[in-house]
C-alpha cells in the first residue's frame, strides 16, 4: 500500500507539473495546481484500492492518474480569445 501511495503521489505530481508547464496562462497558481494533482492522485489511488483490493498495482495507478487529471481539469480557465461578452455589458 505504501508503494501504491508513493507511486500515485509521484504520478500526480508529474501530471500537475506537466499541466502547469504547458498551460500556465489557463491555470491558477503553481502551488495550487501541484497540490491538487497530488491530492487527486492519492484520492484516486485510495478509491481504486478500496474498490478492487490489493494486487492490482497498475490499475490502481491508472485510477490515480484518471482522478488527478479530472481534478486538474476543473482548475482550467477559458482561454482569453474565446471569452464572449454578455449582451447586457
Protein backbone atom coordinates (compact mmCIF):
# COMPACT_ATOMS: atom_id res chain seq x y z
CA UNK A 1 0.00 0.00 0.00
CA UNK A 2 2.90 2.36 0.71
CA UNK A 3 4.30 1.86 -2.80
CA UNK A 4 0.87 2.50 -4.28
CA UNK A 5 0.57 5.78 -2.40
CA UNK A 6 4.11 6.83 -3.27
CA UNK A 7 3.65 5.93 -6.93
CA UNK A 8 0.32 7.73 -7.09
CA UNK A 9 1.78 10.85 -5.49
CA UNK A 10 4.68 10.85 -7.94
CA UNK A 11 2.37 10.40 -10.92
CA UNK A 12 0.04 13.14 -9.67
CA UNK A 13 2.97 15.48 -9.17
CA UNK A 14 4.31 14.72 -12.65
CA UNK A 15 0.89 15.24 -14.22
CA UNK A 16 0.35 18.51 -12.37
CA UNK A 17 3.84 19.76 -13.23
CA UNK A 18 3.24 18.96 -16.89
CA UNK A 19 -0.07 20.79 -16.86
CA UNK A 20 1.44 23.81 -15.09
CA UNK A 21 4.32 23.86 -17.56
CA UNK A 22 2.13 23.57 -20.67
CA UNK A 23 -0.80 25.77 -19.60
CA UNK A 24 0.44 28.44 -17.18
CA UNK A 25 -1.91 31.08 -18.62
CA UNK A 26 -5.02 28.96 -18.04
CA UNK A 27 -4.29 27.67 -14.53
CA UNK A 28 -4.18 29.36 -11.11
CA UNK A 29 -1.01 29.47 -9.01
CA UNK A 30 1.52 26.68 -9.42
CA UNK A 31 1.29 25.67 -5.76
CA UNK A 32 -2.45 25.08 -6.03
CA UNK A 33 -2.03 23.08 -9.22
CA UNK A 34 0.72 20.86 -7.77
CA UNK A 35 -1.14 20.18 -4.55
CA UNK A 36 -4.38 19.43 -6.41
CA UNK A 37 -2.57 16.97 -8.66
CA UNK A 38 -1.04 15.09 -5.74
CA UNK A 39 -4.23 15.13 -3.66
CA UNK A 40 -6.30 13.93 -6.61
CA UNK A 41 -3.90 11.11 -7.32
CA UNK A 42 -3.85 9.98 -3.70
CA UNK A 43 -7.65 10.07 -3.55
CA UNK A 44 -7.88 8.18 -6.84
CA UNK A 45 -5.48 5.53 -5.58
CA UNK A 46 -7.45 5.20 -2.35
CA UNK A 47 -10.73 4.94 -4.23
CA UNK A 48 -9.42 2.36 -6.68
CA UNK A 49 -7.69 0.36 -3.95
CA UNK A 50 -10.90 0.32 -1.94
CA UNK A 51 -12.94 -0.85 -4.93
CA UNK A 52 -10.54 -3.52 -6.22
CA UNK A 53 -8.44 -4.51 -3.23
CA UNK A 54 -4.72 -5.07 -3.24
CA UNK A 55 -2.86 -6.86 -6.01
CA UNK A 56 -3.86 -4.54 -8.86
CA UNK A 57 -0.91 -2.14 -8.77
CA UNK A 58 -1.09 -0.84 -12.34
CA UNK A 59 -4.86 -0.46 -12.30
CA UNK A 60 -4.66 1.48 -9.04
CA UNK A 61 -2.07 3.81 -10.56
CA UNK A 62 -4.29 4.25 -13.62
CA UNK A 63 -7.20 5.19 -11.36
CA UNK A 64 -4.96 7.67 -9.58
CA UNK A 65 -3.98 9.33 -12.87
CA UNK A 66 -7.60 9.49 -14.04
CA UNK A 67 -8.87 11.16 -10.88
CA UNK A 68 -5.90 13.54 -10.78
CA UNK A 69 -6.47 14.58 -14.39
CA UNK A 70 -10.18 15.09 -13.71
CA UNK A 71 -9.46 17.36 -10.74
CA UNK A 72 -6.83 19.30 -12.66
CA UNK A 73 -9.28 19.85 -15.49
CA UNK A 74 -11.61 21.58 -13.03
CA UNK A 75 -8.93 24.22 -12.43
CA UNK A 76 -8.71 25.24 -16.10
CA UNK A 77 -9.96 28.67 -17.04
CA UNK A 78 -11.22 29.53 -20.52
CA UNK A 79 -8.73 30.98 -22.95
CA UNK A 80 -8.88 34.75 -23.31
CA UNK A 81 -9.58 34.73 -27.02
CA UNK A 82 -12.77 32.68 -26.63
CA UNK A 83 -14.38 34.83 -23.97
CA UNK A 84 -17.54 36.49 -25.09
CA UNK A 85 -19.19 39.48 -23.58
CA UNK A 86 -22.77 39.25 -22.47
CA UNK A 87 -25.43 41.17 -24.35
CA UNK A 88 -26.03 43.47 -21.38
CA UNK A 89 -22.38 44.50 -20.94
